[in-house]
Amino acid sequence: METFLKIENIQLWARVGVLQEERELGQLFSLDIFLWTDFEKCTENDDINKTVDYSKLVQILKDQSKKIYCFTIEKYSNAIVEIIDHEFKLSKIKVILTKCNPPITGFDGKVSIVRILKNN
């Protein structure tokens, strides 16, 4: 059975963007994370030490968002994947990072990047 943990709509404020104003003032991002690992040991014994501590993960990402300063959501999303991979050593990670209000004249949508890391 394939099982993954999904964490939705993590709100992050980060200084990411091409415009200088975006990097100085920052802006809102939304993050969805999908995490694959062996959840069977947790399932069998109801052992919280055998699963992903998602409260810790959310706090790490919120703390990291205060330190980020870059031009692209591509770089920011890569930093997120690297942090998750380093902290938790999972078999697969998928992140969807969304810039909630991109400063594009006449555009009211959102822009997202999807990154997937598969570990062997």
N, C-alpha and C. Protein backbone atom coordinates (compact mmCIF):
# COMPACT_ATOMS: atom_id res chain seq x y z
N MET A 1 0.84 -1.17 0.00
CA MET A 1 0.00 0.00 0.00
C MET A 1 0.89 1.24 0.00
N GLU A 2 0.63 2.15 -0.92
CA GLU A 2 1.39 3.40 -0.95
C GLU A 2 0.74 4.39 0.01
N THR A 3 1.56 4.96 0.87
CA THR A 3 1.09 5.93 1.85
C THR A 3 2.01 7.14 1.82
N PHE A 4 1.42 8.31 1.87
CA PHE A 4 2.22 9.52 2.00
C PHE A 4 1.50 10.49 2.93
N LEU A 5 2.28 11.37 3.49
CA LEU A 5 1.76 12.40 4.38
C LEU A 5 1.65 13.70 3.58
N LYS A 6 0.52 14.36 3.66
CA LYS A 6 0.31 15.62 2.94
C LYS A 6 0.11 16.73 3.97
N ILE A 7 0.89 17.79 3.81
CA ILE A 7 0.76 18.97 4.66
C ILE A 7 0.37 20.11 3.72
N GLU A 8 -0.78 20.70 3.94
CA GLU A 8 -1.33 21.68 3.01
C GLU A 8 -1.29 23.11 3.54
N ASN A 9 -1.10 24.01 2.62
CA ASN A 9 -1.30 25.44 2.85
C ASN A 9 -0.48 26.00 4.00
N ILE A 10 0.80 25.67 4.03
CA ILE A 10 1.71 26.29 4.98
C ILE A 10 1.95 27.71 4.47
N GLN A 11 1.62 28.70 5.27
CA GLN A 11 1.77 30.09 4.87
C GLN A 11 3.17 30.58 5.26
N LEU A 12 3.92 31.03 4.27
CA LEU A 12 5.29 31.50 4.49
C LEU A 12 5.43 32.91 3.94
N TRP A 13 6.15 33.75 4.65
CA TRP A 13 6.47 35.09 4.18
C TRP A 13 7.95 35.08 3.86
N ALA A 14 8.30 35.36 2.60
CA ALA A 14 9.70 35.29 2.19
C ALA A 14 10.03 36.42 1.23
N ARG A 15 11.30 36.74 1.18
CA ARG A 15 11.79 37.82 0.30
C ARG A 15 12.35 37.19 -0.97
N VAL A 16 11.42 36.87 -1.87
CA VAL A 16 11.76 36.20 -3.12
C VAL A 16 11.08 36.93 -4.26
N GLY A 17 11.83 37.26 -5.29
CA GLY A 17 11.23 37.88 -6.46
C GLY A 17 12.24 38.65 -7.28
N VAL A 18 11.87 38.89 -8.51
CA VAL A 18 12.73 39.63 -9.44
C VAL A 18 12.77 41.11 -9.08
N LEU A 19 11.63 41.63 -8.66
CA LEU A 19 11.58 43.05 -8.31
C LEU A 19 12.26 43.30 -6.96
N GLN A 20 13.00 44.39 -6.89
CA GLN A 20 13.70 44.73 -5.66
C GLN A 20 12.72 44.85 -4.49
N GLU A 21 11.56 45.39 -4.74
CA GLU A 21 10.54 45.54 -3.71
C GLU A 21 10.13 44.18 -3.12
N GLU A 22 10.05 43.16 -3.97
CA GLU A 22 9.70 41.82 -3.49
C GLU A 22 10.75 41.27 -2.53
N ARG A 23 12.00 41.55 -2.83
CA ARG A 23 13.09 41.05 -1.98
C ARG A 23 13.26 41.90 -0.72
N GLU A 24 12.88 43.16 -0.78
CA GLU A 24 12.99 44.02 0.41
C GLU A 24 11.82 43.82 1.37
N LEU A 25 10.61 43.81 0.84
CA LEU A 25 9.42 43.74 1.69
C LEU A 25 8.95 42.31 1.93
N GLY A 26 9.21 41.43 0.99
CA GLY A 26 8.72 40.07 1.08
C GLY A 26 7.29 39.95 0.60
N GLN A 27 6.82 38.71 0.54
CA GLN A 27 5.46 38.45 0.10
C GLN A 27 5.03 37.07 0.56
N LEU A 28 3.74 36.81 0.42
CA LEU A 28 3.15 35.58 0.89
C LEU A 28 3.33 34.44 -0.12
N PHE A 29 3.71 33.29 0.41
CA PHE A 29 3.80 32.05 -0.35
C PHE A 29 2.96 31.00 0.37
N SER A 30 2.44 30.07 -0.39
CA SER A 30 1.72 28.93 0.16
C SER A 30 2.48 27.68 -0.25
N LEU A 31 2.62 26.74 0.68
CA LEU A 31 3.41 25.54 0.43
C LEU A 31 2.59 24.30 0.76
N ASP A 32 2.54 23.37 -0.18
CA ASP A 32 1.97 22.05 0.04
C ASP A 32 3.12 21.05 -0.07
N ILE A 33 3.15 20.09 0.86
CA ILE A 33 4.22 19.11 0.91
C ILE A 33 3.62 17.71 0.94
N PHE A 34 4.21 16.81 0.18
CA PHE A 34 3.85 15.40 0.17
C PHE A 34 5.12 14.63 0.56
N LEU A 35 5.01 13.75 1.56
CA LEU A 35 6.18 13.04 2.07
C LEU A 35 5.94 11.53 2.06
N TRP A 36 6.87 10.80 1.46
CA TRP A 36 6.80 9.36 1.41
C TRP A 36 7.89 8.77 2.29
N THR A 37 7.51 7.83 3.13
CA THR A 37 8.45 7.08 3.94
C THR A 37 7.75 5.79 4.38
N ASP A 38 8.42 4.97 5.13
CA ASP A 38 7.81 3.75 5.64
C ASP A 38 7.01 4.08 6.89
N PHE A 39 5.71 4.19 6.73
CA PHE A 39 4.83 4.52 7.86
C PHE A 39 4.33 3.28 8.59
N GLU A 40 4.75 2.09 8.15
CA GLU A 40 4.24 0.85 8.74
C GLU A 40 4.60 0.69 10.21
N LYS A 41 5.82 1.05 10.59
CA LYS A 41 6.22 0.90 11.99
C LYS A 41 5.37 1.79 12.90
N CYS A 42 5.06 2.96 12.43
CA CYS A 42 4.18 3.86 13.18
C CYS A 42 2.77 3.28 13.23
N THR A 43 2.32 2.76 12.11
CA THR A 43 0.97 2.21 12.01
C THR A 43 0.80 1.00 12.93
N GLU A 44 1.77 0.11 12.92
CA GLU A 44 1.69 -1.13 13.71
C GLU A 44 1.64 -0.85 15.20
N ASN A 45 2.51 0.04 15.67
CA ASN A 45 2.67 0.26 17.10
C ASN A 45 2.14 1.60 17.60
N ASP A 46 1.57 2.37 16.69
CA ASP A 46 1.08 3.71 17.04
C ASP A 46 2.19 4.52 17.72
N ASP A 47 3.40 4.40 17.16
CA ASP A 47 4.61 5.01 17.74
C ASP A 47 4.90 6.34 17.04
N ILE A 48 4.71 7.44 17.76
CA ILE A 48 4.92 8.76 17.15
C ILE A 48 6.39 9.01 16.79
N ASN A 49 7.29 8.25 17.38
CA ASN A 49 8.71 8.40 17.06
C ASN A 49 9.08 7.74 15.73
N LYS A 50 8.14 7.01 15.12
CA LYS A 50 8.39 6.31 13.87
C LYS A 50 7.70 6.99 12.69
N THR A 51 7.34 8.24 12.86
CA THR A 51 6.70 8.98 11.77
C THR A 51 7.36 10.34 11.64
N VAL A 52 6.87 11.15 10.76
CA VAL A 52 7.41 12.49 10.52
C VAL A 52 6.76 13.47 11.49
N ASP A 53 7.58 14.20 12.21
CA ASP A 53 7.07 15.23 13.12
C ASP A 53 6.76 16.47 12.29
N TYR A 54 5.55 16.57 11.80
CA TYR A 54 5.21 17.66 10.89
C TYR A 54 5.13 19.01 11.60
N SER A 55 4.91 19.03 12.91
CA SER A 55 4.94 20.32 13.61
C SER A 55 6.36 20.88 13.60
N LYS A 56 7.34 20.00 13.78
CA LYS A 56 8.75 20.41 13.70
C LYS A 56 9.10 20.89 12.29
N LEU A 57 8.63 20.16 11.29
CA LEU A 57 8.91 20.52 9.90
C LEU A 57 8.33 21.90 9.56
N VAL A 58 7.10 22.14 9.95
CA VAL A 58 6.47 23.44 9.67
C VAL A 58 7.26 24.56 10.33
N GLN A 59 7.67 24.36 11.57
CA GLN A 59 8.43 25.40 12.27
C GLN A 59 9.78 25.65 11.61
N ILE A 60 10.46 24.60 11.18
CA ILE A 60 11.75 24.75 10.49
C ILE A 60 11.56 25.58 9.22
N LEU A 61 10.52 25.28 8.45
CA LEU A 61 10.29 25.99 7.20
C LEU A 61 9.89 27.45 7.45
N LYS A 62 9.12 27.71 8.49
CA LYS A 62 8.76 29.10 8.82
C LYS A 62 10.00 29.89 9.24
N ASP A 63 10.86 29.26 10.03
CA ASP A 63 12.11 29.92 10.43
C ASP A 63 13.01 30.18 9.23
N GLN A 64 13.11 29.22 8.34
CA GLN A 64 13.96 29.35 7.15
C GLN A 64 13.44 30.45 6.22
N SER A 65 12.12 30.60 6.15
CA SER A 65 11.55 31.59 5.23
C SER A 65 11.96 33.01 5.60
N LYS A 66 12.25 33.24 6.87
CA LYS A 66 12.68 34.57 7.32
C LYS A 66 14.10 34.89 6.87
N LYS A 67 14.86 33.87 6.49
CA LYS A 67 16.27 34.06 6.12
C LYS A 67 16.49 34.05 4.60
N ILE A 68 15.49 33.62 3.85
CA ILE A 68 15.67 33.47 2.40
C ILE A 68 15.65 34.83 1.72
N TYR A 69 16.48 34.95 0.71
CA TYR A 69 16.58 36.17 -0.09
C TYR A 69 17.09 35.75 -1.46
N CYS A 70 16.19 35.66 -2.45
CA CYS A 70 16.60 35.23 -3.78
C CYS A 70 15.64 35.76 -4.83
N PHE A 71 15.98 35.56 -6.08
CA PHE A 71 15.19 36.07 -7.19
C PHE A 71 14.03 35.15 -7.60
N THR A 72 14.22 33.83 -7.52
CA THR A 72 13.26 32.92 -8.15
C THR A 72 12.62 31.95 -7.17
N ILE A 73 11.37 31.56 -7.50
CA ILE A 73 10.72 30.53 -6.71
C ILE A 73 11.38 29.17 -6.96
N GLU A 74 12.07 29.05 -8.08
CA GLU A 74 12.81 27.82 -8.35
C GLU A 74 13.90 27.60 -7.29
N LYS A 75 14.66 28.64 -7.00
CA LYS A 75 15.71 28.53 -5.98
C LYS A 75 15.11 28.33 -4.61
N TYR A 76 14.06 29.06 -4.29
CA TYR A 76 13.42 28.93 -2.99
C TYR A 76 12.86 27.52 -2.80
N SER A 77 12.19 27.00 -3.82
CA SER A 77 11.63 25.65 -3.70
C SER A 77 12.72 24.60 -3.54
N ASN A 78 13.85 24.81 -4.21
CA ASN A 78 14.97 23.88 -4.06
C ASN A 78 15.51 23.90 -2.63
N ALA A 79 15.60 25.08 -2.04
CA ALA A 79 16.05 25.20 -0.65
C ALA A 79 15.10 24.45 0.28
N ILE A 80 13.82 24.53 0.02
CA ILE A 80 12.83 23.82 0.84
C ILE A 80 13.03 22.32 0.74
N VAL A 81 13.18 21.82 -0.48
CA VAL A 81 13.40 20.38 -0.67
C VAL A 81 14.66 19.93 0.05
N GLU A 82 15.74 20.71 -0.06
CA GLU A 82 17.00 20.35 0.59
C GLU A 82 16.85 20.30 2.11
N ILE A 83 16.12 21.23 2.68
CA ILE A 83 15.91 21.24 4.14
C ILE A 83 15.14 19.99 4.57
N ILE A 84 14.06 19.69 3.86
CA ILE A 84 13.27 18.51 4.21
C ILE A 84 14.11 17.24 4.08
N ASP A 85 14.85 17.14 2.99
CA ASP A 85 15.67 15.95 2.75
C ASP A 85 16.73 15.79 3.84
N HIS A 86 17.35 16.88 4.21
CA HIS A 86 18.39 16.84 5.25
C HIS A 86 17.83 16.46 6.62
N GLU A 87 16.69 17.01 6.96
CA GLU A 87 16.10 16.78 8.28
C GLU A 87 15.49 15.40 8.45
N PHE A 88 14.87 14.87 7.39
CA PHE A 88 14.01 13.69 7.57
C PHE A 88 14.41 12.46 6.76
N LYS A 89 15.25 12.57 5.77
CA LYS A 89 15.72 11.40 5.00
C LYS A 89 14.56 10.51 4.54
N LEU A 90 13.71 11.06 3.71
CA LEU A 90 12.53 10.37 3.22
C LEU A 90 12.79 9.72 1.87
N SER A 91 11.92 8.80 1.47
CA SER A 91 12.12 8.13 0.19
C SER A 91 11.69 9.02 -0.99
N LYS A 92 10.72 9.89 -0.76
CA LYS A 92 10.26 10.77 -1.83
C LYS A 92 9.68 12.03 -1.20
N ILE A 93 9.92 13.16 -1.84
CA ILE A 93 9.41 14.45 -1.38
C ILE A 93 8.83 15.18 -2.59
N LYS A 94 7.66 15.72 -2.42
CA LYS A 94 7.06 16.58 -3.45
C LYS A 94 6.63 17.86 -2.78
N VAL A 95 7.03 19.00 -3.35
CA VAL A 95 6.60 20.29 -2.83
C VAL A 95 5.93 21.08 -3.95
N ILE A 96 4.92 21.81 -3.57
CA ILE A 96 4.27 22.77 -4.47
C ILE A 96 4.36 24.12 -3.77
N LEU A 97 5.20 24.99 -4.31
CA LEU A 97 5.39 26.32 -3.76
C LEU A 97 4.64 27.32 -4.64
N THR A 98 3.76 28.09 -4.03
CA THR A 98 2.91 29.01 -4.77
C THR A 98 3.17 30.44 -4.33
N LYS A 99 3.42 31.28 -5.30
CA LYS A 99 3.51 32.72 -5.07
C LYS A 99 2.07 33.23 -5.17
N CYS A 100 1.53 33.69 -4.05
CA CYS A 100 0.10 33.97 -3.96
C CYS A 100 -0.35 35.21 -4.73
N ASN A 101 0.50 36.22 -4.77
CA ASN A 101 0.12 37.48 -5.44
C ASN A 101 1.27 38.00 -6.29
N PRO A 102 1.60 37.30 -7.39
CA PRO A 102 2.72 37.78 -8.20
C PRO A 102 2.41 39.15 -8.80
N PRO A 103 3.41 40.03 -8.79
CA PRO A 103 3.18 41.39 -9.29
C PRO A 103 3.23 41.47 -10.82
N ILE A 104 2.16 40.97 -11.43
CA ILE A 104 2.05 40.98 -12.90
C ILE A 104 0.81 41.80 -13.24
N THR A 105 1.00 42.85 -13.98
CA THR A 105 -0.10 43.73 -14.36
C THR A 105 -1.17 42.95 -15.11
N GLY A 106 -2.42 43.10 -14.67
CA GLY A 106 -3.55 42.48 -15.33
C GLY A 106 -3.69 40.99 -15.05
N PHE A 107 -2.97 40.46 -14.05
CA PHE A 107 -3.01 39.03 -13.72
C PHE A 107 -3.39 38.88 -12.26
N ASP A 108 -4.48 38.17 -12.02
CA ASP A 108 -4.96 37.98 -10.65
C ASP A 108 -4.76 36.55 -10.15
N GLY A 109 -4.02 35.74 -10.91
CA GLY A 109 -3.82 34.34 -10.54
C GLY A 109 -2.63 34.14 -9.63
N LYS A 110 -2.22 32.91 -9.53
CA LYS A 110 -1.09 32.50 -8.71
C LYS A 110 -0.09 31.78 -9.61
N VAL A 111 1.14 31.70 -9.15
CA VAL A 111 2.19 31.00 -9.89
C VAL A 111 2.80 29.97 -8.95
N SER A 112 2.91 28.73 -9.42
CA SER A 112 3.45 27.66 -8.58
C SER A 112 4.56 26.92 -9.30
N ILE A 113 5.43 26.33 -8.50
CA ILE A 113 6.43 25.41 -9.01
C ILE A 113 6.26 24.10 -8.24
N VAL A 114 6.39 23.00 -8.94
CA VAL A 114 6.30 21.67 -8.35
C VAL A 114 7.67 21.02 -8.47
N ARG A 115 8.19 20.54 -7.34
CA ARG A 115 9.49 19.84 -7.35
C ARG A 115 9.30 18.49 -6.68
N ILE A 116 9.94 17.47 -7.25
CA ILE A 116 9.86 16.12 -6.72
C ILE A 116 11.27 15.56 -6.59
N LEU A 117 11.58 15.05 -5.42
CA LEU A 117 12.88 14.41 -5.18
C LEU A 117 12.61 12.97 -4.79
N LYS A 118 13.26 12.04 -5.52
CA LYS A 118 13.16 10.62 -5.20
C LYS A 118 14.52 10.15 -4.74
N ASN A 119 14.58 9.62 -3.54
CA ASN A 119 15.82 9.04 -3.01
C ASN A 119 15.80 7.53 -3.20
N ASN A 120 16.96 6.98 -3.44
CA ASN A 120 17.04 5.52 -3.61
C ASN A 120 17.28 4.83 -2.32
